[in-house]
Amino acid sequence: MEAVFGIAFVLVIWVVPLVVTALKGKYGMAVFGVAFHFLWWVGAIRLAKPDSFWSRRFYDDDRLREAVRRFE
């Protein structure tokens, strides 16, 4: 049973922020996050790039405009 909790912990702490960072189009942060894990969390929290899967799927018009303005 402890192994299940260990695997769940690893998924939440390592895999989820990596996947979210990559889906937001922040591939540099995803790569450097291997050495500096906190970059995955920064990438997962910050605004996605306007042409990323994340922005196309989850952003409304206002949020997408903000992303376009920021990444121009």
PDB file of N, CA and C in Angstrom:
ATOM      1  N   MET A   1       0.820  -1.196   0.000  1.00  0.00           N
ATOM      2  CA  MET A   1       0.000   0.000   0.000  1.00  0.00           C
ATOM      3  C   MET A   1       0.863   1.259   0.000  1.00  0.00           C
ATOM      4  N   GLU A   2       2.000   1.218   0.667  1.00  0.00           N
ATOM      5  CA  GLU A   2       2.888   2.375   0.687  1.00  0.00           C
ATOM      6  C   GLU A   2       3.426   2.684  -0.698  1.00  0.00           C
ATOM      7  N   ALA A   3       3.617   1.643  -1.508  1.00  0.00           N
ATOM      8  CA  ALA A   3       4.117   1.851  -2.868  1.00  0.00           C
ATOM      9  C   ALA A   3       3.114   2.641  -3.701  1.00  0.00           C
ATOM     10  N   VAL A   4       1.841   2.407  -3.484  1.00  0.00           N
ATOM     11  CA  VAL A   4       0.808   3.136  -4.226  1.00  0.00           C
ATOM     12  C   VAL A   4       0.862   4.616  -3.884  1.00  0.00           C
ATOM     13  N   PHE A   5       1.013   4.933  -2.607  1.00  0.00           N
ATOM     14  CA  PHE A   5       1.117   6.328  -2.198  1.00  0.00           C
ATOM     15  C   PHE A   5       2.393   6.957  -2.734  1.00  0.00           C
ATOM     16  N   GLY A   6       3.466   6.202  -2.758  1.00  0.00           N
ATOM     17  CA  GLY A   6       4.727   6.703  -3.306  1.00  0.00           C
ATOM     18  C   GLY A   6       4.613   7.024  -4.784  1.00  0.00           C
ATOM     19  N   ILE A   7       3.976   6.158  -5.530  1.00  0.00           N
ATOM     20  CA  ILE A   7       3.792   6.386  -6.963  1.00  0.00           C
ATOM     21  C   ILE A   7       2.880   7.590  -7.197  1.00  0.00           C
ATOM     22  N   ALA A   8       1.812   7.697  -6.429  1.00  0.00           N
ATOM     23  CA  ALA A   8       0.905   8.838  -6.555  1.00  0.00           C
ATOM     24  C   ALA A   8       1.628  10.144  -6.231  1.00  0.00           C
ATOM     25  N   PHE A   9       2.467  10.124  -5.219  1.00  0.00           N
ATOM     26  CA  PHE A   9       3.235  11.308  -4.833  1.00  0.00           C
ATOM     27  C   PHE A   9       4.168  11.735  -5.961  1.00  0.00           C
ATOM     28  N   VAL A  10       4.866  10.779  -6.551  1.00  0.00           N
ATOM     29  CA  VAL A  10       5.786  11.080  -7.652  1.00  0.00           C
ATOM     30  C   VAL A  10       5.020  11.656  -8.841  1.00  0.00           C
ATOM     31  N   LEU A  11       3.870  11.098  -9.153  1.00  0.00           N
ATOM     32  CA  LEU A  11       3.068  11.610 -10.264  1.00  0.00           C
ATOM     33  C   LEU A  11       2.650  13.058 -10.034  1.00  0.00           C
ATOM     34  N   VAL A  12       2.210  13.352  -8.825  1.00  0.00           N
ATOM     35  CA  VAL A  12       1.749  14.709  -8.530  1.00  0.00           C
ATOM     36  C   VAL A  12       2.909  15.697  -8.520  1.00  0.00           C
ATOM     37  N   ILE A  13       4.016  15.330  -7.924  1.00  0.00           N
ATOM     38  CA  ILE A  13       5.138  16.250  -7.756  1.00  0.00           C
ATOM     39  C   ILE A  13       5.976  16.392  -9.022  1.00  0.00           C
ATOM     40  N   TRP A  14       6.139  15.330  -9.800  1.00  0.00           N
ATOM     41  CA  TRP A  14       7.040  15.366 -10.955  1.00  0.00           C
ATOM     42  C   TRP A  14       6.322  15.384 -12.296  1.00  0.00           C
ATOM     43  N   VAL A  15       5.424  14.472 -12.518  1.00  0.00           N
ATOM     44  CA  VAL A  15       4.875  14.277 -13.858  1.00  0.00           C
ATOM     45  C   VAL A  15       3.841  15.344 -14.222  1.00  0.00           C
ATOM     46  N   VAL A  16       2.947  15.669 -13.325  1.00  0.00           N
ATOM     47  CA  VAL A  16       1.882  16.624 -13.634  1.00  0.00           C
ATOM     48  C   VAL A  16       2.442  17.991 -14.028  1.00  0.00           C
ATOM     49  N   PRO A  17       3.349  18.601 -13.253  1.00  0.00           N
ATOM     50  CA  PRO A  17       3.865  19.905 -13.688  1.00  0.00           C
ATOM     51  C   PRO A  17       4.666  19.830 -14.988  1.00  0.00           C
ATOM     52  N   LEU A  18       5.355  18.724 -15.224  1.00  0.00           N
ATOM     53  CA  LEU A  18       6.088  18.557 -16.482  1.00  0.00           C
ATOM     54  C   LEU A  18       5.129  18.543 -17.665  1.00  0.00           C
ATOM     55  N   VAL A  19       4.066  17.774 -17.567  1.00  0.00           N
ATOM     56  CA  VAL A  19       3.098  17.669 -18.665  1.00  0.00           C
ATOM     57  C   VAL A  19       2.393  19.004 -18.897  1.00  0.00           C
ATOM     58  N   VAL A  20       1.981  19.670 -17.835  1.00  0.00           N
ATOM     59  CA  VAL A  20       1.296  20.956 -17.979  1.00  0.00           C
ATOM     60  C   VAL A  20       2.230  21.990 -18.601  1.00  0.00           C
ATOM     61  N   THR A  21       3.486  22.028 -18.167  1.00  0.00           N
ATOM     62  CA  THR A  21       4.465  22.957 -18.737  1.00  0.00           C
ATOM     63  C   THR A  21       4.651  22.708 -20.226  1.00  0.00           C
ATOM     64  N   ALA A  22       4.757  21.457 -20.624  1.00  0.00           N
ATOM     65  CA  ALA A  22       4.915  21.127 -22.043  1.00  0.00           C
ATOM     66  C   ALA A  22       3.658  21.483 -22.833  1.00  0.00           C
ATOM     67  N   LEU A  23       2.482  21.210 -22.288  1.00  0.00           N
ATOM     68  CA  LEU A  23       1.236  21.538 -22.984  1.00  0.00           C
ATOM     69  C   LEU A  23       1.042  23.044 -23.133  1.00  0.00           C
ATOM     70  N   LYS A  24       1.646  23.815 -22.246  1.00  0.00           N
ATOM     71  CA  LYS A  24       1.567  25.266 -22.345  1.00  0.00           C
ATOM     72  C   LYS A  24       2.582  25.826 -23.335  1.00  0.00           C
ATOM     73  N   GLY A  25       3.363  24.949 -23.967  1.00  0.00           N
ATOM     74  CA  GLY A  25       4.298  25.380 -24.998  1.00  0.00           C
ATOM     75  C   GLY A  25       5.615  25.903 -24.472  1.00  0.00           C
ATOM     76  N   LYS A  26       5.928  25.634 -23.229  1.00  0.00           N
ATOM     77  CA  LYS A  26       7.165  26.117 -22.615  1.00  0.00           C
ATOM     78  C   LYS A  26       8.184  24.982 -22.583  1.00  0.00           C
ATOM     79  N   TYR A  27       8.678  24.649 -23.786  1.00  0.00           N
ATOM     80  CA  TYR A  27       9.555  23.486 -23.924  1.00  0.00           C
ATOM     81  C   TYR A  27      10.919  23.702 -23.274  1.00  0.00           C
ATOM     82  N   GLY A  28      11.424  24.918 -23.287  1.00  0.00           N
ATOM     83  CA  GLY A  28      12.693  25.208 -22.625  1.00  0.00           C
ATOM     84  C   GLY A  28      12.609  24.954 -21.127  1.00  0.00           C
ATOM     85  N   MET A  29      11.532  25.415 -20.523  1.00  0.00           N
ATOM     86  CA  MET A  29      11.338  25.169 -19.092  1.00  0.00           C
ATOM     87  C   MET A  29      11.171  23.687 -18.814  1.00  0.00           C
ATOM     88  N   ALA A  30      10.516  22.976 -19.721  1.00  0.00           N
ATOM     89  CA  ALA A  30      10.335  21.533 -19.533  1.00  0.00           C
ATOM     90  C   ALA A  30      11.678  20.815 -19.550  1.00  0.00           C
ATOM     91  N   VAL A  31      12.572  21.222 -20.445  1.00  0.00           N
ATOM     92  CA  VAL A  31      13.890  20.581 -20.535  1.00  0.00           C
ATOM     93  C   VAL A  31      14.756  20.945 -19.337  1.00  0.00           C
ATOM     94  N   PHE A  32      14.847  22.238 -19.017  1.00  0.00           N
ATOM     95  CA  PHE A  32      15.680  22.657 -17.893  1.00  0.00           C
ATOM     96  C   PHE A  32      15.096  22.231 -16.549  1.00  0.00           C
ATOM     97  N   GLY A  33      13.807  21.927 -16.520  1.00  0.00           N
ATOM     98  CA  GLY A  33      13.177  21.449 -15.300  1.00  0.00           C
ATOM     99  C   GLY A  33      13.694  20.098 -14.840  1.00  0.00           C
ATOM    100  N   VAL A  34      14.338  19.364 -15.747  1.00  0.00           N
ATOM    101  CA  VAL A  34      14.946  18.092 -15.342  1.00  0.00           C
ATOM    102  C   VAL A  34      16.027  18.352 -14.298  1.00  0.00           C
ATOM    103  N   ALA A  35      16.802  19.417 -14.484  1.00  0.00           N
ATOM    104  CA  ALA A  35      17.860  19.760 -13.533  1.00  0.00           C
ATOM    105  C   ALA A  35      17.337  20.641 -12.397  1.00  0.00           C
ATOM    106  N   PHE A  36      16.421  21.548 -12.726  1.00  0.00           N
ATOM    107  CA  PHE A  36      15.885  22.496 -11.745  1.00  0.00           C
ATOM    108  C   PHE A  36      14.370  22.321 -11.699  1.00  0.00           C
ATOM    109  N   HIS A  37      13.945  21.423 -10.841  1.00  0.00           N
ATOM    110  CA  HIS A  37      12.553  20.973 -10.805  1.00  0.00           C
ATOM    111  C   HIS A  37      11.544  22.110 -10.620  1.00  0.00           C
ATOM    112  N   PHE A  38      11.912  23.152  -9.904  1.00  0.00           N
ATOM    113  CA  PHE A  38      10.966  24.239  -9.649  1.00  0.00           C
ATOM    114  C   PHE A  38      10.525  24.926 -10.943  1.00  0.00           C
ATOM    115  N   LEU A  39      11.309  24.814 -12.023  1.00  0.00           N
ATOM    116  CA  LEU A  39      10.916  25.423 -13.296  1.00  0.00           C
ATOM    117  C   LEU A  39       9.638  24.801 -13.846  1.00  0.00           C
ATOM    118  N   TRP A  40       9.414  23.523 -13.569  1.00  0.00           N
ATOM    119  CA  TRP A  40       8.166  22.895 -14.011  1.00  0.00           C
ATOM    120  C   TRP A  40       6.973  23.547 -13.329  1.00  0.00           C
ATOM    121  N   TRP A  41       7.124  23.847 -12.052  1.00  0.00           N
ATOM    122  CA  TRP A  41       6.022  24.481 -11.332  1.00  0.00           C
ATOM    123  C   TRP A  41       5.796  25.901 -11.840  1.00  0.00           C
ATOM    124  N   VAL A  42       6.879  26.633 -12.108  1.00  0.00           N
ATOM    125  CA  VAL A  42       6.754  27.988 -12.652  1.00  0.00           C
ATOM    126  C   VAL A  42       6.063  27.939 -14.012  1.00  0.00           C
ATOM    127  N   GLY A  43       6.498  27.022 -14.871  1.00  0.00           N
ATOM    128  CA  GLY A  43       5.892  26.883 -16.194  1.00  0.00           C
ATOM    129  C   GLY A  43       4.435  26.471 -16.130  1.00  0.00           C
ATOM    130  N   ALA A  44       4.091  25.646 -15.163  1.00  0.00           N
ATOM    131  CA  ALA A  44       2.708  25.185 -15.027  1.00  0.00           C
ATOM    132  C   ALA A  44       1.789  26.285 -14.507  1.00  0.00           C
ATOM    133  N   ILE A  45       2.317  27.195 -13.721  1.00  0.00           N
ATOM    134  CA  ILE A  45       1.499  28.244 -13.123  1.00  0.00           C
ATOM    135  C   ILE A  45       1.339  29.441 -14.055  1.00  0.00           C
ATOM    136  N   ARG A  46       2.368  29.777 -14.809  1.00  0.00           N
ATOM    137  CA  ARG A  46       2.335  30.971 -15.650  1.00  0.00           C
ATOM    138  C   ARG A  46       1.442  30.802 -16.879  1.00  0.00           C
ATOM    139  N   LEU A  47       1.181  31.911 -17.538  1.00  0.00           N
ATOM    140  CA  LEU A  47       0.318  31.970 -18.708  1.00  0.00           C
ATOM    141  C   LEU A  47       0.909  31.159 -19.857  1.00  0.00           C
ATOM    142  N   ALA A  48       0.061  30.446 -20.586  1.00  0.00           N
ATOM    143  CA  ALA A  48       0.515  29.613 -21.705  1.00  0.00           C
ATOM    144  C   ALA A  48       0.811  30.465 -22.932  1.00  0.00           C
ATOM    145  N   LYS A  49       1.643  29.933 -23.821  1.00  0.00           N
ATOM    146  CA  LYS A  49       1.890  30.605 -25.094  1.00  0.00           C
ATOM    147  C   LYS A  49       0.612  30.537 -25.930  1.00  0.00           C
ATOM    148  N   PRO A  50       0.342  31.573 -26.734  1.00  0.00           N
ATOM    149  CA  PRO A  50      -0.936  31.632 -27.449  1.00  0.00           C
ATOM    150  C   PRO A  50      -1.156  30.521 -28.471  1.00  0.00           C
ATOM    151  N   ASP A  51      -0.098  29.931 -28.995  1.00  0.00           N
ATOM    152  CA  ASP A  51      -0.264  28.880 -29.999  1.00  0.00           C
ATOM    153  C   ASP A  51      -0.157  27.474 -29.413  1.00  0.00           C
ATOM    154  N   SER A  52      -0.166  27.364 -28.096  1.00  0.00           N
ATOM    155  CA  SER A  52      -0.018  26.058 -27.445  1.00  0.00           C
ATOM    156  C   SER A  52      -1.359  25.323 -27.364  1.00  0.00           C
ATOM    157  N   PHE A  53      -1.275  24.030 -27.147  1.00  0.00           N
ATOM    158  CA  PHE A  53      -2.475  23.212 -26.958  1.00  0.00           C
ATOM    159  C   PHE A  53      -3.290  23.737 -25.781  1.00  0.00           C
ATOM    160  N   TRP A  54      -2.616  24.087 -24.709  1.00  0.00           N
ATOM    161  CA  TRP A  54      -3.286  24.532 -23.483  1.00  0.00           C
ATOM    162  C   TRP A  54      -4.145  25.771 -23.746  1.00  0.00           C
ATOM    163  N   SER A  55      -3.595  26.748 -24.441  1.00  0.00           N
ATOM    164  CA  SER A  55      -4.359  27.977 -24.676  1.00  0.00           C
ATOM    165  C   SER A  55      -5.532  27.737 -25.624  1.00  0.00           C
ATOM    166  N   ARG A  56      -5.335  26.911 -26.638  1.00  0.00           N
ATOM    167  CA  ARG A  56      -6.437  26.618 -27.564  1.00  0.00           C
ATOM    168  C   ARG A  56      -7.558  25.854 -26.871  1.00  0.00           C
ATOM    169  N   ARG A  57      -7.214  25.007 -25.933  1.00  0.00           N
ATOM    170  CA  ARG A  57      -8.206  24.137 -25.293  1.00  0.00           C
ATOM    171  C   ARG A  57      -8.902  24.794 -24.098  1.00  0.00           C
ATOM    172  N   PHE A  58      -8.154  25.545 -23.292  1.00  0.00           N
ATOM    173  CA  PHE A  58      -8.689  25.981 -22.003  1.00  0.00           C
ATOM    174  C   PHE A  58      -8.923  27.485 -21.861  1.00  0.00           C
ATOM    175  N   TYR A  59      -8.416  28.306 -22.782  1.00  0.00           N
ATOM    176  CA  TYR A  59      -8.541  29.752 -22.604  1.00  0.00           C
ATOM    177  C   TYR A  59      -9.768  30.301 -23.316  1.00  0.00           C
ATOM    178  N   ASP A  60     -10.449  31.239 -22.644  1.00  0.00           N
ATOM    179  CA  ASP A  60     -11.524  31.964 -23.303  1.00  0.00           C
ATOM    180  C   ASP A  60     -10.899  33.123 -24.094  1.00  0.00           C
ATOM    181  N   ASP A  61     -11.725  33.946 -24.727  1.00  0.00           N
ATOM    182  CA  ASP A  61     -11.214  35.009 -25.592  1.00  0.00           C
ATOM    183  C   ASP A  61     -10.360  36.027 -24.838  1.00  0.00           C
ATOM    184  N   ASP A  62     -10.786  36.414 -23.637  1.00  0.00           N
ATOM    185  CA  ASP A  62     -10.029  37.402 -22.866  1.00  0.00           C
ATOM    186  C   ASP A  62      -8.652  36.875 -22.478  1.00  0.00           C
ATOM    187  N   ARG A  63      -8.616  35.659 -22.004  1.00  0.00           N
ATOM    188  CA  ARG A  63      -7.346  35.064 -21.578  1.00  0.00           C
ATOM    189  C   ARG A  63      -6.412  34.864 -22.777  1.00  0.00           C
ATOM    190  N   LEU A  64      -6.973  34.483 -23.917  1.00  0.00           N
ATOM    191  CA  LEU A  64      -6.173  34.291 -25.125  1.00  0.00           C
ATOM    192  C   LEU A  64      -5.608  35.622 -25.614  1.00  0.00           C
ATOM    193  N   ARG A  65      -6.404  36.685 -25.553  1.00  0.00           N
ATOM    194  CA  ARG A  65      -5.903  38.019 -25.919  1.00  0.00           C
ATOM    195  C   ARG A  65      -4.745  38.431 -25.020  1.00  0.00           C
ATOM    196  N   GLU A  66      -4.867  38.141 -23.731  1.00  0.00           N
ATOM    197  CA  GLU A  66      -3.792  38.456 -22.788  1.00  0.00           C
ATOM    198  C   GLU A  66      -2.520  37.682 -23.136  1.00  0.00           C
ATOM    199  N   ALA A  67      -2.662  36.423 -23.507  1.00  0.00           N
ATOM    200  CA  ALA A  67      -1.503  35.612 -23.888  1.00  0.00           C
ATOM    201  C   ALA A  67      -0.861  36.147 -25.164  1.00  0.00           C
ATOM    202  N   VAL A  68      -1.675  36.523 -26.141  1.00  0.00           N
ATOM    203  CA  VAL A  68      -1.134  37.081 -27.390  1.00  0.00           C
ATOM    204  C   VAL A  68      -0.393  38.376 -27.105  1.00  0.00           C
ATOM    205  N   ARG A  69      -0.974  39.242 -26.292  1.00  0.00           N
ATOM    206  CA  ARG A  69      -0.331  40.512 -25.942  1.00  0.00           C
ATOM    207  C   ARG A  69       1.000  40.282 -25.236  1.00  0.00           C
ATOM    208  N   ARG A  70       1.045  39.334 -24.344  1.00  0.00           N
ATOM    209  CA  ARG A  70       2.262  39.081 -23.579  1.00  0.00           C
ATOM    210  C   ARG A  70       3.373  38.486 -24.436  1.00  0.00           C
ATOM    211  N   PHE A  71       3.038  37.638 -25.382  1.00  0.00           N
ATOM    212  CA  PHE A  71       4.060  36.932 -26.148  1.00  0.00           C
ATOM    213  C   PHE A  71       4.348  37.557 -27.509  1.00  0.00           C
ATOM    214  N   GLU A  72       3.862  38.783 -27.772  1.00  0.00           N
ATOM    215  CA  GLU A  72       4.170  39.460 -29.041  1.00  0.00           C
ATOM    216  C   GLU A  72       5.611  39.867 -29.104  1.00  0.00           C
TER     217      GLU A  72
END
